Amino acid sequence: MHAAFAARERTEAPAPGRWRLTGREQDVLALLGQGLSNAEIAAELHLGVTTVKTHIANLMPKTGATNRVHLAVLAARELTERTGD
């Protein structure tokens, strides 16, 4: 197995309540978890698409996500845990 993939498998995402996110990162993460695209998130939050991409890039190491899909899954789980659905 390639070393990068092995390292990813060993990395566990922090528990959702333990992420230290800014308010804007929380907003972006919540909308990402709802399945919105970067452009839709930008429109909803009145941001540029590049700014949304920057927030998503910053969220990756904070949450332990390895890619956008993984981040969206983590966000959806957090949303579900908060609402109890």
N, C-alpha and C. Protein backbone atom coordinates (compact mmCIF):
# COMPACT_ATOMS: atom_id res chain seq x y z
N MET A 1 0.86 -1.18 0.00
CA MET A 1 0.00 0.00 0.00
C MET A 1 0.90 1.24 0.00
N HIS A 2 0.51 2.22 -0.75
CA HIS A 2 1.25 3.47 -0.83
C HIS A 2 1.25 4.15 0.54
N ALA A 3 2.36 4.74 0.93
CA ALA A 3 2.49 5.35 2.26
C ALA A 3 1.46 6.44 2.53
N ALA A 4 1.14 7.24 1.52
CA ALA A 4 0.16 8.32 1.72
C ALA A 4 -1.22 7.74 2.04
N PHE A 5 -1.59 6.67 1.38
CA PHE A 5 -2.88 6.05 1.66
C PHE A 5 -2.88 5.40 3.03
N ALA A 6 -1.79 4.79 3.41
CA ALA A 6 -1.70 4.17 4.73
C ALA A 6 -1.82 5.23 5.82
N ALA A 7 -1.19 6.38 5.61
CA ALA A 7 -1.26 7.47 6.59
C ALA A 7 -2.69 7.98 6.71
N ARG A 8 -3.39 8.08 5.59
CA ARG A 8 -4.78 8.53 5.63
C ARG A 8 -5.65 7.57 6.42
N GLU A 9 -5.43 6.28 6.23
CA GLU A 9 -6.24 5.29 6.93
C GLU A 9 -6.02 5.34 8.44
N ARG A 10 -4.83 5.71 8.86
CA ARG A 10 -4.53 5.79 10.29
C ARG A 10 -5.08 7.07 10.91
N THR A 11 -5.35 8.06 10.09
CA THR A 11 -5.82 9.35 10.59
C THR A 11 -7.32 9.28 10.85
N GLU A 12 -7.70 9.55 12.07
CA GLU A 12 -9.12 9.59 12.40
C GLU A 12 -9.54 11.03 12.58
N ALA A 13 -10.73 11.35 12.10
CA ALA A 13 -11.25 12.70 12.25
C ALA A 13 -11.60 12.95 13.71
N PRO A 14 -11.34 14.15 14.21
CA PRO A 14 -11.74 14.48 15.57
C PRO A 14 -13.26 14.43 15.72
N ALA A 15 -13.71 14.19 16.91
CA ALA A 15 -15.15 14.20 17.15
C ALA A 15 -15.71 15.56 16.77
N PRO A 16 -16.91 15.61 16.16
CA PRO A 16 -17.45 16.88 15.66
C PRO A 16 -17.46 18.00 16.69
N GLY A 17 -17.79 17.72 17.93
CA GLY A 17 -17.84 18.76 18.94
C GLY A 17 -16.49 19.31 19.32
N ARG A 18 -15.45 18.67 18.87
CA ARG A 18 -14.09 19.09 19.24
C ARG A 18 -13.40 19.91 18.17
N TRP A 19 -14.06 20.11 17.04
CA TRP A 19 -13.46 20.93 15.99
C TRP A 19 -13.44 22.37 16.45
N ARG A 20 -12.36 23.04 16.22
CA ARG A 20 -12.25 24.47 16.54
C ARG A 20 -12.41 25.25 15.25
N LEU A 21 -13.65 25.62 14.97
CA LEU A 21 -13.97 26.28 13.71
C LEU A 21 -14.42 27.70 13.96
N THR A 22 -14.11 28.56 13.02
CA THR A 22 -14.62 29.92 13.08
C THR A 22 -16.12 29.87 12.75
N GLY A 23 -16.82 30.95 13.04
CA GLY A 23 -18.23 31.02 12.72
C GLY A 23 -18.49 30.82 11.24
N ARG A 24 -17.66 31.44 10.40
CA ARG A 24 -17.84 31.32 8.95
C ARG A 24 -17.56 29.90 8.49
N GLU A 25 -16.54 29.26 9.07
CA GLU A 25 -16.26 27.86 8.73
C GLU A 25 -17.44 26.98 9.10
N GLN A 26 -18.06 27.25 10.24
CA GLN A 26 -19.24 26.48 10.64
C GLN A 26 -20.37 26.67 9.63
N ASP A 27 -20.55 27.91 9.15
CA ASP A 27 -21.58 28.20 8.15
C ASP A 27 -21.31 27.41 6.86
N VAL A 28 -20.07 27.48 6.39
CA VAL A 28 -19.70 26.78 5.15
C VAL A 28 -19.88 25.28 5.33
N LEU A 29 -19.44 24.75 6.45
CA LEU A 29 -19.54 23.32 6.70
C LEU A 29 -21.00 22.87 6.74
N ALA A 30 -21.85 23.64 7.37
CA ALA A 30 -23.27 23.29 7.45
C ALA A 30 -23.90 23.24 6.06
N LEU A 31 -23.59 24.22 5.23
CA LEU A 31 -24.15 24.25 3.88
C LEU A 31 -23.57 23.15 3.01
N LEU A 32 -22.30 22.85 3.19
CA LEU A 32 -21.68 21.75 2.47
C LEU A 32 -22.36 20.44 2.85
N GLY A 33 -22.67 20.28 4.13
CA GLY A 33 -23.34 19.08 4.60
C GLY A 33 -24.76 18.93 4.06
N GLN A 34 -25.33 20.04 3.61
CA GLN A 34 -26.65 20.00 3.00
C GLN A 34 -26.57 19.73 1.50
N GLY A 35 -25.35 19.58 0.99
CA GLY A 35 -25.17 19.22 -0.40
C GLY A 35 -25.02 20.38 -1.36
N LEU A 36 -24.82 21.59 -0.84
CA LEU A 36 -24.68 22.75 -1.72
C LEU A 36 -23.31 22.78 -2.41
N SER A 37 -23.29 23.29 -3.61
CA SER A 37 -22.04 23.46 -4.35
C SER A 37 -21.31 24.70 -3.83
N ASN A 38 -20.06 24.87 -4.26
CA ASN A 38 -19.31 26.06 -3.85
C ASN A 38 -20.04 27.32 -4.27
N ALA A 39 -20.56 27.34 -5.49
CA ALA A 39 -21.27 28.52 -5.99
C ALA A 39 -22.53 28.79 -5.16
N GLU A 40 -23.25 27.74 -4.79
CA GLU A 40 -24.46 27.91 -3.98
C GLU A 40 -24.12 28.40 -2.58
N ILE A 41 -23.05 27.88 -2.01
CA ILE A 41 -22.61 28.33 -0.68
C ILE A 41 -22.21 29.80 -0.76
N ALA A 42 -21.47 30.16 -1.81
CA ALA A 42 -21.05 31.55 -1.98
C ALA A 42 -22.25 32.48 -2.07
N ALA A 43 -23.25 32.09 -2.84
CA ALA A 43 -24.44 32.93 -2.99
C ALA A 43 -25.20 33.04 -1.66
N GLU A 44 -25.32 31.94 -0.96
CA GLU A 44 -26.05 31.93 0.32
C GLU A 44 -25.38 32.81 1.36
N LEU A 45 -24.05 32.78 1.39
CA LEU A 45 -23.31 33.52 2.41
C LEU A 45 -22.77 34.86 1.92
N HIS A 46 -23.08 35.20 0.68
CA HIS A 46 -22.62 36.47 0.08
C HIS A 46 -21.10 36.55 0.10
N LEU A 47 -20.48 35.48 -0.39
CA LEU A 47 -19.02 35.38 -0.48
C LEU A 47 -18.64 35.09 -1.92
N GLY A 48 -17.37 35.23 -2.23
CA GLY A 48 -16.86 34.79 -3.52
C GLY A 48 -16.61 33.29 -3.50
N VAL A 49 -16.68 32.68 -4.66
CA VAL A 49 -16.43 31.24 -4.75
C VAL A 49 -15.03 30.90 -4.26
N THR A 50 -14.05 31.73 -4.58
CA THR A 50 -12.68 31.50 -4.14
C THR A 50 -12.60 31.50 -2.61
N THR A 51 -13.35 32.38 -1.97
CA THR A 51 -13.36 32.43 -0.50
C THR A 51 -13.96 31.14 0.06
N VAL A 52 -15.01 30.64 -0.56
CA VAL A 52 -15.61 29.38 -0.12
C VAL A 52 -14.59 28.25 -0.26
N LYS A 53 -13.89 28.23 -1.39
CA LYS A 53 -12.87 27.20 -1.59
C LYS A 53 -11.78 27.28 -0.53
N THR A 54 -11.41 28.50 -0.15
CA THR A 54 -10.41 28.68 0.90
C THR A 54 -10.92 28.14 2.23
N HIS A 55 -12.17 28.44 2.56
CA HIS A 55 -12.74 27.91 3.80
C HIS A 55 -12.76 26.38 3.78
N ILE A 56 -13.13 25.81 2.67
CA ILE A 56 -13.16 24.35 2.56
C ILE A 56 -11.76 23.77 2.72
N ALA A 57 -10.78 24.40 2.10
CA ALA A 57 -9.39 23.95 2.24
C ALA A 57 -8.94 24.04 3.70
N ASN A 58 -9.36 25.08 4.41
CA ASN A 58 -9.00 25.24 5.82
C ASN A 58 -9.72 24.23 6.70
N LEU A 59 -10.91 23.82 6.29
CA LEU A 59 -11.68 22.86 7.07
C LEU A 59 -11.09 21.45 7.02
N MET A 60 -10.44 21.12 5.93
CA MET A 60 -9.92 19.76 5.76
C MET A 60 -9.01 19.31 6.92
N PRO A 61 -7.93 20.04 7.20
CA PRO A 61 -7.08 19.58 8.30
C PRO A 61 -7.75 19.71 9.67
N LYS A 62 -8.62 20.68 9.83
CA LYS A 62 -9.29 20.86 11.12
C LYS A 62 -10.22 19.71 11.45
N THR A 63 -10.83 19.13 10.42
CA THR A 63 -11.79 18.05 10.63
C THR A 63 -11.20 16.67 10.40
N GLY A 64 -10.04 16.63 9.77
CA GLY A 64 -9.42 15.35 9.43
C GLY A 64 -9.94 14.78 8.12
N ALA A 65 -10.72 15.56 7.38
CA ALA A 65 -11.25 15.10 6.11
C ALA A 65 -10.12 14.98 5.09
N THR A 66 -10.23 13.98 4.22
CA THR A 66 -9.20 13.75 3.22
C THR A 66 -9.57 14.32 1.85
N ASN A 67 -10.85 14.66 1.66
CA ASN A 67 -11.29 15.27 0.42
C ASN A 67 -12.66 15.92 0.65
N ARG A 68 -13.19 16.56 -0.38
CA ARG A 68 -14.45 17.30 -0.25
C ARG A 68 -15.61 16.38 0.11
N VAL A 69 -15.65 15.20 -0.49
CA VAL A 69 -16.74 14.27 -0.21
C VAL A 69 -16.68 13.83 1.26
N HIS A 70 -15.50 13.51 1.73
CA HIS A 70 -15.32 13.12 3.13
C HIS A 70 -15.77 14.26 4.05
N LEU A 71 -15.41 15.48 3.70
CA LEU A 71 -15.81 16.64 4.49
C LEU A 71 -17.33 16.78 4.51
N ALA A 72 -17.97 16.59 3.36
CA ALA A 72 -19.43 16.68 3.28
C ALA A 72 -20.10 15.60 4.13
N VAL A 73 -19.54 14.41 4.14
CA VAL A 73 -20.09 13.33 4.96
C VAL A 73 -19.96 13.67 6.44
N LEU A 74 -18.80 14.17 6.84
CA LEU A 74 -18.60 14.58 8.24
C LEU A 74 -19.57 15.69 8.62
N ALA A 75 -19.78 16.62 7.71
CA ALA A 75 -20.70 17.73 7.97
C ALA A 75 -22.13 17.23 8.10
N ALA A 76 -22.52 16.31 7.24
CA ALA A 76 -23.88 15.75 7.31
C ALA A 76 -24.07 14.98 8.62
N ARG A 77 -23.05 14.25 9.04
CA ARG A 77 -23.15 13.53 10.32
C ARG A 77 -23.30 14.50 11.48
N GLU A 78 -22.52 15.58 11.45
CA GLU A 78 -22.59 16.56 12.53
C GLU A 78 -23.99 17.18 12.56
N LEU A 79 -24.51 17.52 11.40
CA LEU A 79 -25.84 18.10 11.31
C LEU A 79 -26.89 17.14 11.86
N THR A 80 -26.77 15.87 11.52
CA THR A 80 -27.69 14.85 12.02
C THR A 80 -27.59 14.71 13.53
N GLU A 81 -26.37 14.72 14.06
CA GLU A 81 -26.18 14.60 15.51
C GLU A 81 -26.78 15.80 16.25
N ARG A 82 -26.65 16.98 15.67
CA ARG A 82 -27.20 18.18 16.30
C ARG A 82 -28.71 18.18 16.33
N THR A 83 -29.31 17.73 15.23
CA THR A 83 -30.76 17.79 15.13
C THR A 83 -31.43 16.53 15.62
N GLY A 84 -30.65 15.47 15.79
CA GLY A 84 -31.21 14.22 16.28
C GLY A 84 -32.00 13.45 15.24
N ASP A 85 -31.83 13.79 13.97
CA ASP A 85 -32.53 13.07 12.89
C ASP A 85 -31.87 11.77 12.57
